[in-house]
Amino acid sequence: MPYELFSKRAFGRLADDGSGTSAVEFALVSPILLMLVFGIIVYGLYFGAVHALQQITAEAARSSVAGVSNNERNLLARQSVDRALSDSMLFRKEDVSVAVGDDPVDPDIYMVTLTFDSRAMGFGSVSGLVPVPSVILTRTMRVRRGGF
């Protein structure tokens, strides 16, 4: 009797039974599908943050052109960033740092640099599941001083 469990007829019945195949296929495919969807969402947010930071940096550089001294340029850039961040849904003011300074290579150019730690948006916690390119986002715009 115990040999009847391993008989050819018992294995034939198991091989013809397809009642759990959908559940097994779902269990195999769903983790990959969920990782793909989660990766699309994370990268969409990441690229949106990079683009928004680039736009805010460009706006700060454009507004700082009116400054005569380095202190005035710095003040104008910070005011522009504060205005842009007050409307932003991705960033908080305290998470973005602003630096305005001279270009180390060309003294006729000054730079406006914004740095954002994307862990404030939760990207640090998902880096184990989905590879995120860089946790620290930095965007720099270079502006020529004095017109021509």
N, C-alpha and C. Protein backbone atom coordinates (compact mmCIF):
# COMPACT_ATOMS: atom_id res chain seq x y z
N MET A 1 0.78 -1.20 0.00
CA MET A 1 0.00 0.00 0.00
C MET A 1 0.82 1.27 0.00
N PRO A 2 1.87 1.36 0.82
CA PRO A 2 2.62 2.61 0.79
C PRO A 2 3.26 2.84 -0.57
N TYR A 3 3.46 1.78 -1.33
CA TYR A 3 4.07 1.95 -2.65
C TYR A 3 3.11 2.54 -3.66
N GLU A 4 1.84 2.52 -3.35
CA GLU A 4 0.86 3.07 -4.27
C GLU A 4 0.99 4.60 -4.37
N LEU A 5 1.51 5.24 -3.32
CA LEU A 5 1.70 6.69 -3.36
C LEU A 5 2.74 7.08 -4.42
N PHE A 6 3.71 6.21 -4.64
CA PHE A 6 4.78 6.50 -5.59
C PHE A 6 4.58 5.79 -6.91
N SER A 7 3.43 5.31 -7.14
CA SER A 7 3.19 4.57 -8.38
C SER A 7 3.09 5.53 -9.55
N LYS A 8 3.17 4.97 -10.72
CA LYS A 8 3.09 5.75 -11.95
C LYS A 8 1.73 6.41 -12.09
N ARG A 9 0.70 5.76 -11.62
CA ARG A 9 -0.63 6.30 -11.73
C ARG A 9 -0.80 7.54 -10.82
N ALA A 10 -0.21 7.53 -9.61
CA ALA A 10 -0.30 8.67 -8.69
C ALA A 10 0.45 9.88 -9.27
N PHE A 11 1.63 9.65 -9.84
CA PHE A 11 2.37 10.75 -10.45
C PHE A 11 1.65 11.28 -11.68
N GLY A 12 0.98 10.44 -12.39
CA GLY A 12 0.21 10.87 -13.56
C GLY A 12 -0.92 11.81 -13.17
N ARG A 13 -1.59 11.49 -12.06
CA ARG A 13 -2.66 12.37 -11.60
C ARG A 13 -2.11 13.72 -11.17
N LEU A 14 -0.96 13.74 -10.50
CA LEU A 14 -0.35 15.00 -10.08
C LEU A 14 0.10 15.82 -11.28
N ALA A 15 0.64 15.16 -12.28
CA ALA A 15 1.12 15.88 -13.45
C ALA A 15 -0.04 16.47 -14.25
N ASP A 16 -1.18 15.83 -14.24
CA ASP A 16 -2.33 16.35 -14.97
C ASP A 16 -3.11 17.40 -14.19
N ASP A 17 -2.86 17.52 -12.89
CA ASP A 17 -3.60 18.47 -12.06
C ASP A 17 -2.99 19.86 -12.23
N GLY A 18 -3.76 20.84 -12.71
CA GLY A 18 -3.26 22.20 -12.93
C GLY A 18 -3.95 23.22 -12.05
N SER A 19 -4.48 22.81 -10.91
CA SER A 19 -5.28 23.72 -10.10
C SER A 19 -4.45 24.81 -9.41
N GLY A 20 -3.18 24.60 -9.16
CA GLY A 20 -2.38 25.61 -8.45
C GLY A 20 -1.37 26.32 -9.33
N THR A 21 -1.44 26.12 -10.63
CA THR A 21 -0.41 26.70 -11.50
C THR A 21 -0.48 28.22 -11.54
N SER A 22 -1.65 28.79 -11.49
CA SER A 22 -1.76 30.26 -11.50
C SER A 22 -1.13 30.87 -10.26
N ALA A 23 -1.35 30.25 -9.13
CA ALA A 23 -0.77 30.76 -7.89
C ALA A 23 0.75 30.67 -7.91
N VAL A 24 1.28 29.58 -8.43
CA VAL A 24 2.73 29.41 -8.52
C VAL A 24 3.32 30.41 -9.50
N GLU A 25 2.69 30.61 -10.64
CA GLU A 25 3.18 31.59 -11.61
C GLU A 25 3.14 33.00 -11.03
N PHE A 26 2.08 33.33 -10.32
CA PHE A 26 1.99 34.64 -9.69
C PHE A 26 3.09 34.81 -8.64
N ALA A 27 3.35 33.78 -7.86
CA ALA A 27 4.40 33.85 -6.83
C ALA A 27 5.78 34.03 -7.46
N LEU A 28 5.99 33.49 -8.65
CA LEU A 28 7.29 33.64 -9.31
C LEU A 28 7.43 34.99 -10.01
N VAL A 29 6.36 35.50 -10.59
CA VAL A 29 6.44 36.71 -11.41
C VAL A 29 6.21 37.99 -10.60
N SER A 30 5.38 37.94 -9.57
CA SER A 30 4.99 39.17 -8.86
C SER A 30 6.16 39.91 -8.21
N PRO A 31 7.16 39.26 -7.60
CA PRO A 31 8.27 40.05 -7.04
C PRO A 31 9.03 40.84 -8.10
N ILE A 32 9.24 40.23 -9.25
CA ILE A 32 9.94 40.92 -10.33
C ILE A 32 9.10 42.09 -10.85
N LEU A 33 7.82 41.85 -11.02
CA LEU A 33 6.93 42.90 -11.51
C LEU A 33 6.83 44.05 -10.51
N LEU A 34 6.72 43.74 -9.22
CA LEU A 34 6.66 44.78 -8.20
C LEU A 34 7.96 45.58 -8.13
N MET A 35 9.11 44.92 -8.26
CA MET A 35 10.39 45.63 -8.28
C MET A 35 10.48 46.55 -9.49
N LEU A 36 9.98 46.11 -10.62
CA LEU A 36 10.00 46.93 -11.83
C LEU A 36 9.12 48.17 -11.65
N VAL A 37 7.92 47.99 -11.14
CA VAL A 37 7.03 49.13 -10.93
C VAL A 37 7.61 50.07 -9.87
N PHE A 38 8.14 49.53 -8.79
CA PHE A 38 8.74 50.34 -7.75
C PHE A 38 9.95 51.10 -8.28
N GLY A 39 10.75 50.46 -9.12
CA GLY A 39 11.90 51.13 -9.73
C GLY A 39 11.48 52.27 -10.64
N ILE A 40 10.41 52.10 -11.39
CA ILE A 40 9.91 53.16 -12.26
C ILE A 40 9.46 54.37 -11.42
N ILE A 41 8.79 54.11 -10.32
CA ILE A 41 8.33 55.20 -9.46
C ILE A 41 9.51 55.92 -8.82
N VAL A 42 10.47 55.17 -8.30
CA VAL A 42 11.63 55.78 -7.63
C VAL A 42 12.45 56.60 -8.62
N TYR A 43 12.73 56.04 -9.80
CA TYR A 43 13.52 56.79 -10.78
C TYR A 43 12.75 57.98 -11.33
N GLY A 44 11.45 57.89 -11.45
CA GLY A 44 10.67 59.05 -11.86
C GLY A 44 10.78 60.18 -10.86
N LEU A 45 10.67 59.86 -9.57
CA LEU A 45 10.84 60.88 -8.53
C LEU A 45 12.26 61.42 -8.52
N TYR A 46 13.24 60.54 -8.69
CA TYR A 46 14.64 60.95 -8.67
C TYR A 46 14.94 61.91 -9.83
N PHE A 47 14.54 61.55 -11.04
CA PHE A 47 14.81 62.42 -12.18
C PHE A 47 14.01 63.72 -12.09
N GLY A 48 12.82 63.67 -11.51
CA GLY A 48 12.07 64.89 -11.27
C GLY A 48 12.78 65.81 -10.30
N ALA A 49 13.37 65.24 -9.25
CA ALA A 49 14.13 66.03 -8.27
C ALA A 49 15.37 66.63 -8.91
N VAL A 50 16.07 65.86 -9.73
CA VAL A 50 17.27 66.38 -10.41
C VAL A 50 16.90 67.52 -11.34
N HIS A 51 15.83 67.36 -12.09
CA HIS A 51 15.41 68.40 -13.02
C HIS A 51 14.97 69.66 -12.28
N ALA A 52 14.20 69.50 -11.22
CA ALA A 52 13.74 70.65 -10.45
C ALA A 52 14.92 71.38 -9.81
N LEU A 53 15.89 70.64 -9.30
CA LEU A 53 17.08 71.27 -8.71
C LEU A 53 17.87 72.03 -9.76
N GLN A 54 17.97 71.48 -10.96
CA GLN A 54 18.66 72.17 -12.05
C GLN A 54 17.95 73.47 -12.42
N GLN A 55 16.64 73.44 -12.47
CA GLN A 55 15.87 74.64 -12.80
C GLN A 55 16.01 75.71 -11.72
N ILE A 56 15.98 75.30 -10.47
CA ILE A 56 16.13 76.26 -9.36
C ILE A 56 17.54 76.86 -9.38
N THR A 57 18.55 76.04 -9.69
CA THR A 57 19.92 76.54 -9.79
C THR A 57 20.06 77.54 -10.92
N ALA A 58 19.48 77.24 -12.07
CA ALA A 58 19.55 78.17 -13.20
C ALA A 58 18.85 79.48 -12.89
N GLU A 59 17.71 79.41 -12.23
CA GLU A 59 16.99 80.63 -11.85
C GLU A 59 17.80 81.45 -10.85
N ALA A 60 18.44 80.80 -9.90
CA ALA A 60 19.27 81.51 -8.92
C ALA A 60 20.46 82.18 -9.60
N ALA A 61 21.06 81.50 -10.57
CA ALA A 61 22.18 82.09 -11.30
C ALA A 61 21.72 83.29 -12.12
N ARG A 62 20.57 83.18 -12.77
CA ARG A 62 20.05 84.31 -13.55
C ARG A 62 19.74 85.51 -12.66
N SER A 63 19.17 85.26 -11.51
CA SER A 63 18.81 86.38 -10.64
C SER A 63 20.04 87.00 -9.99
N SER A 64 21.11 86.24 -9.81
CA SER A 64 22.31 86.78 -9.17
C SER A 64 23.15 87.63 -10.12
N VAL A 65 22.85 87.65 -11.39
CA VAL A 65 23.59 88.45 -12.36
C VAL A 65 23.49 89.94 -12.01
N ALA A 66 22.39 90.36 -11.42
CA ALA A 66 22.18 91.77 -11.10
C ALA A 66 23.05 92.25 -9.95
N GLY A 67 23.66 91.33 -9.21
CA GLY A 67 24.49 91.73 -8.07
C GLY A 67 25.81 92.35 -8.50
N VAL A 68 26.24 93.37 -7.76
CA VAL A 68 27.49 94.06 -8.06
C VAL A 68 28.66 93.40 -7.33
N SER A 69 28.45 93.04 -6.08
CA SER A 69 29.51 92.41 -5.30
C SER A 69 29.17 90.94 -5.06
N ASN A 70 30.15 90.21 -4.53
CA ASN A 70 29.91 88.80 -4.22
C ASN A 70 28.83 88.64 -3.15
N ASN A 71 28.82 89.53 -2.17
CA ASN A 71 27.79 89.45 -1.12
C ASN A 71 26.40 89.68 -1.69
N GLU A 72 26.28 90.63 -2.60
CA GLU A 72 24.98 90.91 -3.20
C GLU A 72 24.53 89.75 -4.10
N ARG A 73 25.47 89.17 -4.85
CA ARG A 73 25.13 88.01 -5.68
C ARG A 73 24.66 86.84 -4.81
N ASN A 74 25.37 86.65 -3.72
CA ASN A 74 25.00 85.57 -2.79
C ASN A 74 23.60 85.81 -2.23
N LEU A 75 23.31 87.03 -1.82
CA LEU A 75 22.00 87.36 -1.29
C LEU A 75 20.90 87.17 -2.33
N LEU A 76 21.13 87.64 -3.56
CA LEU A 76 20.13 87.48 -4.63
C LEU A 76 19.89 86.01 -4.97
N ALA A 77 20.96 85.22 -5.00
CA ALA A 77 20.82 83.79 -5.29
C ALA A 77 20.02 83.10 -4.19
N ARG A 78 20.33 83.41 -2.95
CA ARG A 78 19.61 82.78 -1.83
C ARG A 78 18.13 83.19 -1.82
N GLN A 79 17.85 84.45 -2.12
CA GLN A 79 16.45 84.88 -2.18
C GLN A 79 15.70 84.16 -3.30
N SER A 80 16.36 83.99 -4.44
CA SER A 80 15.73 83.28 -5.55
C SER A 80 15.46 81.82 -5.19
N VAL A 81 16.41 81.18 -4.54
CA VAL A 81 16.23 79.79 -4.13
C VAL A 81 15.11 79.69 -3.10
N ASP A 82 15.07 80.61 -2.15
CA ASP A 82 14.00 80.58 -1.14
C ASP A 82 12.62 80.74 -1.77
N ARG A 83 12.52 81.63 -2.76
CA ARG A 83 11.24 81.80 -3.46
C ARG A 83 10.84 80.52 -4.20
N ALA A 84 11.80 79.93 -4.89
CA ALA A 84 11.51 78.72 -5.66
C ALA A 84 11.17 77.55 -4.74
N LEU A 85 11.86 77.45 -3.61
CA LEU A 85 11.60 76.33 -2.70
C LEU A 85 10.29 76.49 -1.94
N SER A 86 9.82 77.71 -1.79
CA SER A 86 8.54 77.89 -1.11
C SER A 86 7.39 77.33 -1.95
N ASP A 87 7.57 77.26 -3.27
CA ASP A 87 6.56 76.70 -4.16
C ASP A 87 6.80 75.23 -4.48
N SER A 88 7.95 74.71 -4.09
CA SER A 88 8.33 73.35 -4.48
C SER A 88 7.63 72.31 -3.62
N MET A 89 7.19 71.23 -4.26
CA MET A 89 6.59 70.12 -3.54
C MET A 89 7.62 69.03 -3.24
N LEU A 90 8.78 69.09 -3.91
CA LEU A 90 9.79 68.05 -3.72
C LEU A 90 10.79 68.37 -2.62
N PHE A 91 11.09 69.66 -2.42
CA PHE A 91 12.16 70.04 -1.51
C PHE A 91 11.64 70.87 -0.35
N ARG A 92 12.37 70.79 0.76
CA ARG A 92 12.18 71.70 1.87
C ARG A 92 13.39 72.62 1.92
N LYS A 93 13.19 73.86 2.38
CA LYS A 93 14.27 74.84 2.41
C LYS A 93 15.48 74.35 3.18
N GLU A 94 15.25 73.72 4.29
CA GLU A 94 16.36 73.30 5.16
C GLU A 94 17.17 72.14 4.58
N ASP A 95 16.67 71.47 3.55
CA ASP A 95 17.39 70.35 2.95
C ASP A 95 18.27 70.75 1.78
N VAL A 96 18.17 72.00 1.33
CA VAL A 96 18.93 72.46 0.17
C VAL A 96 19.94 73.50 0.64
N SER A 97 21.21 73.28 0.29
CA SER A 97 22.23 74.27 0.63
C SER A 97 22.65 75.04 -0.62
N VAL A 98 22.92 76.33 -0.44
CA VAL A 98 23.27 77.22 -1.54
C VAL A 98 24.70 77.70 -1.33
N ALA A 99 25.50 77.66 -2.37
CA ALA A 99 26.86 78.19 -2.32
C ALA A 99 27.10 79.04 -3.56
N VAL A 100 27.55 80.26 -3.34
CA VAL A 100 27.91 81.16 -4.44
C VAL A 100 29.37 81.52 -4.25
N GLY A 101 30.16 81.31 -5.28
CA GLY A 101 31.58 81.62 -5.16
C GLY A 101 32.24 81.74 -6.51
N ASP A 102 33.53 82.03 -6.47
CA ASP A 102 34.31 82.19 -7.70
C ASP A 102 34.68 80.83 -8.28
N ASP A 103 34.78 80.80 -9.60
CA ASP A 103 35.25 79.61 -10.29
C ASP A 103 36.75 79.50 -10.05
N PRO A 104 37.24 78.34 -9.62
CA PRO A 104 38.68 78.23 -9.33
C PRO A 104 39.56 78.33 -10.58
N VAL A 105 39.00 78.10 -11.75
CA VAL A 105 39.79 78.13 -12.98
C VAL A 105 39.79 79.52 -13.63
N ASP A 106 38.63 80.14 -13.72
CA ASP A 106 38.49 81.43 -14.41
C ASP A 106 37.97 82.47 -13.43
N PRO A 107 38.75 83.53 -13.12
CA PRO A 107 38.29 84.53 -12.15
C PRO A 107 37.15 85.40 -12.66
N ASP A 108 36.85 85.37 -13.95
CA ASP A 108 35.74 86.16 -14.49
C ASP A 108 34.41 85.44 -14.39
N ILE A 109 34.42 84.26 -13.85
CA ILE A 109 33.19 83.47 -13.73
C ILE A 109 32.93 83.17 -12.26
N TYR A 110 31.68 83.31 -11.86
CA TYR A 110 31.29 82.87 -10.52
C TYR A 110 30.26 81.75 -10.67
N MET A 111 30.16 80.95 -9.64
CA MET A 111 29.33 79.75 -9.69
C MET A 111 28.25 79.80 -8.61
N VAL A 112 27.10 79.30 -8.98
CA VAL A 112 26.00 79.10 -8.03
C VAL A 112 25.79 77.59 -7.95
N THR A 113 25.93 77.04 -6.75
CA THR A 113 25.83 75.59 -6.56
C THR A 113 24.75 75.29 -5.53
N LEU A 114 23.87 74.38 -5.89
CA LEU A 114 22.84 73.89 -4.96
C LEU A 114 23.12 72.42 -4.68
N THR A 115 23.02 72.05 -3.42
CA THR A 115 23.25 70.67 -3.01
C THR A 115 22.05 70.20 -2.20
N PHE A 116 21.59 69.00 -2.53
CA PHE A 116 20.42 68.43 -1.87
C PHE A 116 20.71 66.98 -1.52
N ASP A 117 20.42 66.61 -0.28
CA ASP A 117 20.57 65.22 0.15
C ASP A 117 19.24 64.52 -0.09
N SER A 118 19.22 63.61 -1.06
CA SER A 118 17.96 62.97 -1.46
C SER A 118 17.44 61.98 -0.42
N ARG A 119 18.22 61.71 0.62
CA ARG A 119 17.70 60.86 1.69
C ARG A 119 16.53 61.52 2.40
N ALA A 120 16.44 62.86 2.29
CA ALA A 120 15.30 63.57 2.88
C ALA A 120 14.00 63.19 2.18
N MET A 121 14.10 62.71 0.93
CA MET A 121 12.91 62.25 0.20
C MET A 121 12.70 60.75 0.37
N GLY A 122 13.60 60.08 1.07
CA GLY A 122 13.46 58.65 1.30
C GLY A 122 14.23 57.78 0.34
N PHE A 123 15.09 58.37 -0.50
CA PHE A 123 15.84 57.56 -1.46
C PHE A 123 16.90 56.70 -0.79
N GLY A 124 17.38 57.09 0.38
CA GLY A 124 18.38 56.29 1.08
C GLY A 124 17.81 54.97 1.55
N SER A 125 16.54 54.95 1.89
CA SER A 125 15.92 53.72 2.39
C SER A 125 15.60 52.72 1.29
N VAL A 126 15.50 53.18 0.05
CA VAL A 126 15.18 52.26 -1.04
C VAL A 126 16.42 51.83 -1.81
N SER A 127 17.59 52.33 -1.41
CA SER A 127 18.79 52.00 -2.18
C SER A 127 19.14 50.52 -2.10
N GLY A 128 18.63 49.80 -1.09
CA GLY A 128 18.85 48.36 -1.03
C GLY A 128 17.97 47.60 -2.01
N LEU A 129 16.81 48.16 -2.34
CA LEU A 129 15.89 47.50 -3.26
C LEU A 129 16.14 47.90 -4.71
N VAL A 130 16.31 49.20 -4.92
CA VAL A 130 16.50 49.74 -6.26
C VAL A 130 17.77 50.57 -6.25
N PRO A 131 18.71 50.33 -7.15
CA PRO A 131 19.95 51.13 -7.13
C PRO A 131 19.68 52.57 -7.55
N VAL A 132 19.98 53.51 -6.65
CA VAL A 132 19.81 54.94 -6.92
C VAL A 132 21.18 55.50 -7.29
N PRO A 133 21.27 56.28 -8.39
CA PRO A 133 22.58 56.73 -8.86
C PRO A 133 23.41 57.48 -7.83
N SER A 134 22.87 58.52 -7.19
CA SER A 134 23.63 59.29 -6.22
C SER A 134 22.67 59.82 -5.18
N VAL A 135 23.07 59.73 -3.93
CA VAL A 135 22.21 60.20 -2.85
C VAL A 135 22.30 61.72 -2.72
N ILE A 136 23.49 62.27 -2.95
CA ILE A 136 23.70 63.72 -2.87
C ILE A 136 23.56 64.30 -4.27
N LEU A 137 22.58 65.17 -4.46
CA LEU A 137 22.38 65.83 -5.75
C LEU A 137 23.04 67.20 -5.71
N THR A 138 23.89 67.48 -6.68
CA THR A 138 24.58 68.76 -6.76
C THR A 138 24.42 69.31 -8.16
N ARG A 139 24.00 70.54 -8.26
CA ARG A 139 23.87 71.22 -9.55
C ARG A 139 24.58 72.55 -9.47
N THR A 140 25.36 72.87 -10.49
CA THR A 140 26.15 74.09 -10.53
C THR A 140 25.90 74.83 -11.84
N MET A 141 25.73 76.13 -11.72
CA MET A 141 25.64 77.00 -12.90
C MET A 141 26.79 77.99 -12.83
N ARG A 142 27.42 78.23 -13.97
CA ARG A 142 28.52 79.19 -14.05
C ARG A 142 28.04 80.43 -14.81
N VAL A 143 28.35 81.60 -14.26
CA VAL A 143 27.90 82.85 -14.85
C VAL A 143 29.11 83.76 -15.04
N ARG A 144 29.23 84.34 -16.23
CA ARG A 144 30.32 85.28 -16.49
C ARG A 144 30.01 86.62 -15.85
N ARG A 145 30.98 87.18 -15.20
CA ARG A 145 30.88 88.46 -14.51
C ARG A 145 31.09 89.61 -15.48
N GLY A 146 30.36 90.68 -15.32
CA GLY A 146 30.64 91.92 -16.02
C GLY A 146 30.28 91.95 -17.49
N GLY A 147 29.38 91.16 -17.93
CA GLY A 147 28.93 91.25 -19.34
C GLY A 147 29.90 90.59 -20.30
N PHE A 148 30.47 91.37 -21.21
CA PHE A 148 31.29 90.80 -22.28
C PHE A 148 32.60 90.36 -21.73
